[in-house]
Structure formats: structure tokens, C-alpha cells
Amino acid sequence: MSVHQCPHAGKTSCMRPTSLQVESLINQAEQLCEQRQQRFTALRRRVLTLICQAESPMGAYQLLEFLQGDGRSAAPPTIYRALDFLMAQGLIHRLASNNTYLACAHPQQDHEAVFLVCQHCGQTQEIHTDGITHSVQEKASRYKFKVLHTSVEVAGLCAKCSPGFNPPSAGGLA
């Protein structure tokens, strides 16, 4: 997904996926599952679509409400199985801090992500950086600890929720 102009704020931008972006992610998910010989069922597709369309990360019970609103008879274990499948395929991420899920911006690439989570509105931005993951792995190896997965969540305020905030320029120190 790419950043585009937010309809709710004059100059700030936010992550609001367009229908073309959602369609692209769903098509990518379908292709990845086919390549991996995994079943991308109608329920898994619908759950991923709901997550992709969301303006902010969604919880399992929010997803359940949407599915029931669609006329589907879904129960919590059904949702959790779909979420587990989507996570195992690298199509979504789980934010541990608030137990919500968001679509992976780059499901075709194996990567570790850092999440910038707005504490006010919940908007979450996925960014990639090898430096943090590498540093964690390096430090963990000193303790003879093998890192299997790294997920970093950074709490703060997005541009919309922190008017007047001017980040320091790249390379400059404040």
C-alpha cells in the first residue's frame, strides 16, 4: 500500500487503501497461496479483504461483527483459524499491544517490520528496517538465544493527531 492524501485532513496524509490497492493485495494473496499450495477459502478472502479495507488495525471480534453483518454464521474459533492462516502465510501482522490485525504491505517478501502506532486514532504504519532486527539478533546471540520472529511496535502520534509537529530533517540532530 502506498500513502495517499487523507480526505479528513488538509495537508496530512494517512494510510487509507484504495479499492485498487485492496484488489491488488487480495490478488497477490491468492497467487501466493496458490504457489504455496494453500487453500485461500472464501472466508479467508473475506477476512483479508476486511482487514485490507480497514482504516486502522481490526480486532477479531470486529471482524466477527462484519462477517455476521454479511449474513455469515461465524464463531470466534472460525475467525481465529482464518487469522492464524493469514499470519502463517505472511499476509497480515498482529499487533500485540492491542491484539489487532493489519494487512502486510509486502506479503511477497520475507521481512521483519516496525509498526508506528498512533495512540490517539489507532492508525498504524508498517515500516521496514533491517538495522533494528539485526541489532536484536546480534544482542540475543550473546545470550545464546535464537530469535524466531521480531516485531517492534512504536507508540506515538501520527501527523493528523499531532498538529504542528515538525520532525527533524534527515541527517540532522536537534
C-alpha atoms as a PDB file:
ATOM      1  CA  MET A   1       0.000   0.000   0.000  1.00  0.00           C
ATOM      2  CA  SER A   2       1.157   3.494  -0.546  1.00  0.00           C
ATOM      3  CA  VAL A   3       0.394   6.686   1.286  1.00  0.00           C
ATOM      4  CA  HIS A   4      -2.194   8.907  -0.352  1.00  0.00           C
ATOM      5  CA  GLN A   5      -3.974  12.100   0.601  1.00  0.00           C
ATOM      6  CA  CYS A   6      -6.304  11.658   3.542  1.00  0.00           C
ATOM      7  CA  PRO A   7      -9.806  13.013   2.846  1.00  0.00           C
ATOM      8  CA  HIS A   8     -10.187  14.022   6.514  1.00  0.00           C
ATOM      9  CA  ALA A   9      -7.209  16.303   6.808  1.00  0.00           C
ATOM     10  CA  GLY A  10      -5.971  19.158   4.706  1.00  0.00           C
ATOM     11  CA  LYS A  11      -2.233  18.601   4.329  1.00  0.00           C
ATOM     12  CA  THR A  12      -1.566  15.427   6.258  1.00  0.00           C
ATOM     13  CA  SER A  13      -1.562  12.014   4.711  1.00  0.00           C
ATOM     14  CA  CYS A  14      -2.601   8.685   6.119  1.00  0.00           C
ATOM     15  CA  MET A  15      -2.921   5.084   5.064  1.00  0.00           C
ATOM     16  CA  ARG A  16      -6.342   4.612   3.512  1.00  0.00           C
ATOM     17  CA  PRO A  17      -6.194   1.836   0.959  1.00  0.00           C
ATOM     18  CA  THR A  18      -7.953   2.459  -2.313  1.00  0.00           C
ATOM     19  CA  SER A  19     -10.134  -0.261  -3.834  1.00  0.00           C
ATOM     20  CA  LEU A  20      -7.375  -0.901  -6.390  1.00  0.00           C
ATOM     21  CA  GLN A  21      -4.826  -1.383  -3.606  1.00  0.00           C
ATOM     22  CA  VAL A  22      -7.150  -3.786  -1.783  1.00  0.00           C
ATOM     23  CA  GLU A  23      -7.807  -5.701  -5.001  1.00  0.00           C
ATOM     24  CA  SER A  24      -4.077  -5.874  -5.681  1.00  0.00           C
ATOM     25  CA  LEU A  25      -3.325  -7.249  -2.195  1.00  0.00           C
ATOM     26  CA  ILE A  26      -6.119  -9.832  -2.483  1.00  0.00           C
ATOM     27  CA  ASN A  27      -4.840 -10.935  -5.913  1.00  0.00           C
ATOM     28  CA  GLN A  28      -1.310 -11.161  -4.510  1.00  0.00           C
ATOM     29  CA  ALA A  29      -2.581 -13.251  -1.584  1.00  0.00           C
ATOM     30  CA  GLU A  30      -4.400 -15.583  -3.942  1.00  0.00           C
ATOM     31  CA  GLN A  31      -1.273 -16.063  -6.071  1.00  0.00           C
ATOM     32  CA  LEU A  32       0.957 -16.630  -3.038  1.00  0.00           C
ATOM     33  CA  CYS A  33      -1.434 -19.233  -1.607  1.00  0.00           C
ATOM     34  CA  GLU A  34      -1.637 -20.967  -4.975  1.00  0.00           C
ATOM     35  CA  GLN A  35       2.184 -21.039  -5.266  1.00  0.00           C
ATOM     36  CA  ARG A  36       2.410 -22.466  -1.745  1.00  0.00           C
ATOM     37  CA  GLN A  37      -0.399 -24.951  -2.414  1.00  0.00           C
ATOM     38  CA  GLN A  38      -2.529 -23.461   0.370  1.00  0.00           C
ATOM     39  CA  ARG A  39      -6.315 -23.073   0.223  1.00  0.00           C
ATOM     40  CA  PHE A  40      -7.441 -19.439   0.040  1.00  0.00           C
ATOM     41  CA  THR A  41     -11.059 -20.079   1.016  1.00  0.00           C
ATOM     42  CA  ALA A  42     -13.925 -17.617   0.662  1.00  0.00           C
ATOM     43  CA  LEU A  43     -13.830 -16.938   4.419  1.00  0.00           C
ATOM     44  CA  ARG A  44     -10.080 -16.296   4.417  1.00  0.00           C
ATOM     45  CA  ARG A  45     -10.522 -13.999   1.413  1.00  0.00           C
ATOM     46  CA  ARG A  46     -13.329 -12.077   3.157  1.00  0.00           C
ATOM     47  CA  VAL A  47     -11.358 -11.696   6.405  1.00  0.00           C
ATOM     48  CA  LEU A  48      -8.309 -10.455   4.494  1.00  0.00           C
ATOM     49  CA  THR A  49     -10.479  -8.081   2.462  1.00  0.00           C
ATOM     50  CA  LEU A  50     -11.992  -6.606   5.637  1.00  0.00           C
ATOM     51  CA  ILE A  51      -8.543  -6.143   7.154  1.00  0.00           C
ATOM     52  CA  CYS A  52      -7.224  -4.553   3.942  1.00  0.00           C
ATOM     53  CA  GLN A  53     -10.170  -2.144   3.751  1.00  0.00           C
ATOM     54  CA  ALA A  54      -9.876  -1.014   7.362  1.00  0.00           C
ATOM     55  CA  GLU A  55      -8.542   2.427   8.190  1.00  0.00           C
ATOM     56  CA  SER A  56      -6.845   1.055  11.291  1.00  0.00           C
ATOM     57  CA  PRO A  57      -6.000  -2.411  12.640  1.00  0.00           C
ATOM     58  CA  MET A  58      -9.013  -4.582  13.488  1.00  0.00           C
ATOM     59  CA  GLY A  59      -9.694  -6.964  16.338  1.00  0.00           C
ATOM     60  CA  ALA A  60     -11.107 -10.458  15.901  1.00  0.00           C
ATOM     61  CA  TYR A  61     -14.490  -9.505  17.344  1.00  0.00           C
ATOM     62  CA  GLN A  62     -14.777  -6.516  14.996  1.00  0.00           C
ATOM     63  CA  LEU A  63     -14.177  -8.923  12.131  1.00  0.00           C
ATOM     64  CA  LEU A  64     -16.765 -11.292  13.559  1.00  0.00           C
ATOM     65  CA  GLU A  65     -19.356  -8.474  13.618  1.00  0.00           C
ATOM     66  CA  PHE A  66     -18.677  -7.650   9.965  1.00  0.00           C
ATOM     67  CA  LEU A  67     -18.975 -11.295   8.963  1.00  0.00           C
ATOM     68  CA  GLN A  68     -22.235 -11.683  10.865  1.00  0.00           C
ATOM     69  CA  GLY A  69     -23.422  -8.468   9.192  1.00  0.00           C
ATOM     70  CA  ASP A  70     -22.714 -10.196   5.863  1.00  0.00           C
ATOM     71  CA  GLY A  71     -25.146 -12.911   6.940  1.00  0.00           C
ATOM     72  CA  ARG A  72     -22.409 -15.464   7.685  1.00  0.00           C
ATOM     73  CA  SER A  73     -22.697 -17.628  10.753  1.00  0.00           C
ATOM     74  CA  ALA A  74     -19.179 -17.273  12.071  1.00  0.00           C
ATOM     75  CA  ALA A  75     -17.915 -18.048  15.562  1.00  0.00           C
ATOM     76  CA  PRO A  76     -14.745 -16.797  17.276  1.00  0.00           C
ATOM     77  CA  PRO A  77     -12.782 -20.025  16.614  1.00  0.00           C
ATOM     78  CA  THR A  78     -13.557 -19.653  12.888  1.00  0.00           C
ATOM     79  CA  ILE A  79     -12.166 -16.114  12.853  1.00  0.00           C
ATOM     80  CA  TYR A  80      -9.068 -17.090  14.809  1.00  0.00           C
ATOM     81  CA  ARG A  81      -8.351 -20.002  12.448  1.00  0.00           C
ATOM     82  CA  ALA A  82      -8.621 -17.639   9.464  1.00  0.00           C
ATOM     83  CA  LEU A  83      -6.360 -15.097  11.192  1.00  0.00           C
ATOM     84  CA  ASP A  84      -3.818 -17.801  12.073  1.00  0.00           C
ATOM     85  CA  PHE A  85      -3.760 -18.941   8.443  1.00  0.00           C
ATOM     86  CA  LEU A  86      -3.327 -15.376   7.127  1.00  0.00           C
ATOM     87  CA  MET A  87      -0.493 -14.725   9.610  1.00  0.00           C
ATOM     88  CA  ALA A  88       1.221 -18.017   8.764  1.00  0.00           C
ATOM     89  CA  GLN A  89       1.159 -17.017   5.096  1.00  0.00           C
ATOM     90  CA  GLY A  90       2.627 -13.585   5.910  1.00  0.00           C
ATOM     91  CA  LEU A  91      -0.471 -11.780   4.633  1.00  0.00           C
ATOM     92  CA  ILE A  92      -1.267  -9.976   7.880  1.00  0.00           C
ATOM     93  CA  HIS A  93       0.505  -8.873  11.043  1.00  0.00           C
ATOM     94  CA  ARG A  94      -0.738  -8.972  14.627  1.00  0.00           C
ATOM     95  CA  LEU A  95      -0.115  -6.031  16.910  1.00  0.00           C
ATOM     96  CA  ALA A  96       0.493  -7.498  20.349  1.00  0.00           C
ATOM     97  CA  SER A  97      -0.076  -4.194  22.165  1.00  0.00           C
ATOM     98  CA  ASN A  98      -3.781  -4.096  21.324  1.00  0.00           C
ATOM     99  CA  ASN A  99      -4.431  -7.576  19.869  1.00  0.00           C
ATOM    100  CA  THR A 100      -5.415  -6.274  16.432  1.00  0.00           C
ATOM    101  CA  TYR A 101      -4.513  -7.249  12.890  1.00  0.00           C
ATOM    102  CA  LEU A 102      -3.429  -5.310   9.831  1.00  0.00           C
ATOM    103  CA  ALA A 103      -2.569  -6.245   6.272  1.00  0.00           C
ATOM    104  CA  CYS A 104       1.065  -6.752   5.391  1.00  0.00           C
ATOM    105  CA  ALA A 105       2.184  -4.144   2.896  1.00  0.00           C
ATOM    106  CA  HIS A 106       4.690  -6.546   1.278  1.00  0.00           C
ATOM    107  CA  PRO A 107       3.457 -10.137   1.657  1.00  0.00           C
ATOM    108  CA  GLN A 108       5.661 -11.408  -1.169  1.00  0.00           C
ATOM    109  CA  GLN A 109       8.843 -10.529   0.757  1.00  0.00           C
ATOM    110  CA  ASP A 110      10.144 -12.192   3.892  1.00  0.00           C
ATOM    111  CA  HIS A 111      10.767  -9.299   6.248  1.00  0.00           C
ATOM    112  CA  GLU A 112      10.601  -8.017   9.764  1.00  0.00           C
ATOM    113  CA  ALA A 113       8.594  -4.892  10.324  1.00  0.00           C
ATOM    114  CA  VAL A 114       8.397  -1.993  12.719  1.00  0.00           C
ATOM    115  CA  PHE A 115       4.936  -0.592  13.396  1.00  0.00           C
ATOM    116  CA  LEU A 116       4.320   3.066  14.169  1.00  0.00           C
ATOM    117  CA  VAL A 117       1.067   3.045  16.172  1.00  0.00           C
ATOM    118  CA  CYS A 118      -0.817   6.279  16.865  1.00  0.00           C
ATOM    119  CA  GLN A 119      -2.016   6.204  20.456  1.00  0.00           C
ATOM    120  CA  HIS A 120      -4.829   8.638  19.663  1.00  0.00           C
ATOM    121  CA  CYS A 121      -6.524   7.382  16.479  1.00  0.00           C
ATOM    122  CA  GLY A 122      -5.006   3.899  16.117  1.00  0.00           C
ATOM    123  CA  GLN A 123      -3.588   4.497  12.642  1.00  0.00           C
ATOM    124  CA  THR A 124      -0.667   2.160  12.098  1.00  0.00           C
ATOM    125  CA  GLN A 125       2.146   2.437   9.588  1.00  0.00           C
ATOM    126  CA  GLU A 126       4.349  -0.521   8.705  1.00  0.00           C
ATOM    127  CA  ILE A 127       7.951   0.395   8.013  1.00  0.00           C
ATOM    128  CA  HIS A 128      10.871  -1.877   7.224  1.00  0.00           C
ATOM    129  CA  THR A 129      14.300  -1.621   8.673  1.00  0.00           C
ATOM    130  CA  ASP A 130      16.986  -4.251   8.811  1.00  0.00           C
ATOM    131  CA  GLY A 131      19.031  -2.396  11.398  1.00  0.00           C
ATOM    132  CA  ILE A 132      16.714  -2.994  14.348  1.00  0.00           C
ATOM    133  CA  THR A 133      16.181  -6.666  13.575  1.00  0.00           C
ATOM    134  CA  HIS A 134      19.883  -7.229  13.029  1.00  0.00           C
ATOM    135  CA  SER A 135      20.722  -5.484  16.302  1.00  0.00           C
ATOM    136  CA  VAL A 136      18.203  -7.579  18.251  1.00  0.00           C
ATOM    137  CA  GLN A 137      19.522 -10.799  16.712  1.00  0.00           C
ATOM    138  CA  GLU A 138      23.118  -9.809  17.454  1.00  0.00           C
ATOM    139  CA  LYS A 139      22.391  -8.989  21.102  1.00  0.00           C
ATOM    140  CA  ALA A 140      20.248 -12.127  21.542  1.00  0.00           C
ATOM    141  CA  SER A 141      23.044 -14.355  20.207  1.00  0.00           C
ATOM    142  CA  ARG A 142      25.288 -13.103  23.027  1.00  0.00           C
ATOM    143  CA  TYR A 143      22.809 -14.778  25.394  1.00  0.00           C
ATOM    144  CA  LYS A 144      22.674 -17.915  23.231  1.00  0.00           C
ATOM    145  CA  PHE A 145      19.098 -17.024  22.320  1.00  0.00           C
ATOM    146  CA  LYS A 146      17.811 -17.791  18.830  1.00  0.00           C
ATOM    147  CA  VAL A 147      15.338 -15.184  17.571  1.00  0.00           C
ATOM    148  CA  LEU A 148      12.499 -16.734  15.603  1.00  0.00           C
ATOM    149  CA  HIS A 149      10.488 -13.591  14.967  1.00  0.00           C
ATOM    150  CA  THR A 150      10.907  -9.909  15.704  1.00  0.00           C
ATOM    151  CA  SER A 151       8.087  -7.409  15.838  1.00  0.00           C
ATOM    152  CA  VAL A 152       8.583  -3.886  17.106  1.00  0.00           C
ATOM    153  CA  GLU A 153       5.714  -1.537  17.930  1.00  0.00           C
ATOM    154  CA  VAL A 154       6.428   2.137  18.455  1.00  0.00           C
ATOM    155  CA  ALA A 155       3.711   4.176  20.186  1.00  0.00           C
ATOM    156  CA  GLY A 156       3.308   7.841  19.339  1.00  0.00           C
ATOM    157  CA  LEU A 157       1.103  10.301  17.468  1.00  0.00           C
ATOM    158  CA  CYS A 158       0.507  10.421  13.715  1.00  0.00           C
ATOM    159  CA  ALA A 159       0.646  13.666  11.723  1.00  0.00           C
ATOM    160  CA  LYS A 160      -3.121  14.098  11.961  1.00  0.00           C
ATOM    161  CA  CYS A 161      -3.122  13.780  15.754  1.00  0.00           C
ATOM    162  CA  SER A 162      -0.055  15.917  16.449  1.00  0.00           C
ATOM    163  CA  PRO A 163      -0.592  19.192  14.573  1.00  0.00           C
ATOM    164  CA  GLY A 164       2.436  21.408  14.384  1.00  0.00           C
ATOM    165  CA  PHE A 165       4.904  18.561  14.914  1.00  0.00           C
ATOM    166  CA  ASN A 166       7.881  19.034  12.618  1.00  0.00           C
ATOM    167  CA  PRO A 167      10.205  16.021  12.591  1.00  0.00           C
ATOM    168  CA  PRO A 168      13.933  16.747  12.458  1.00  0.00           C
ATOM    169  CA  SER A 169      15.386  16.683   8.970  1.00  0.00           C
ATOM    170  CA  ALA A 170      17.145  13.526   7.877  1.00  0.00           C
ATOM    171  CA  GLY A 171      20.730  13.501   8.986  1.00  0.00           C
ATOM    172  CA  GLY A 172      20.333  16.493  11.274  1.00  0.00           C
ATOM    173  CA  LEU A 173      20.368  16.442  15.052  1.00  0.00           C
ATOM    174  CA  ALA A 174      18.029  18.560  17.099  1.00  0.00           C
END
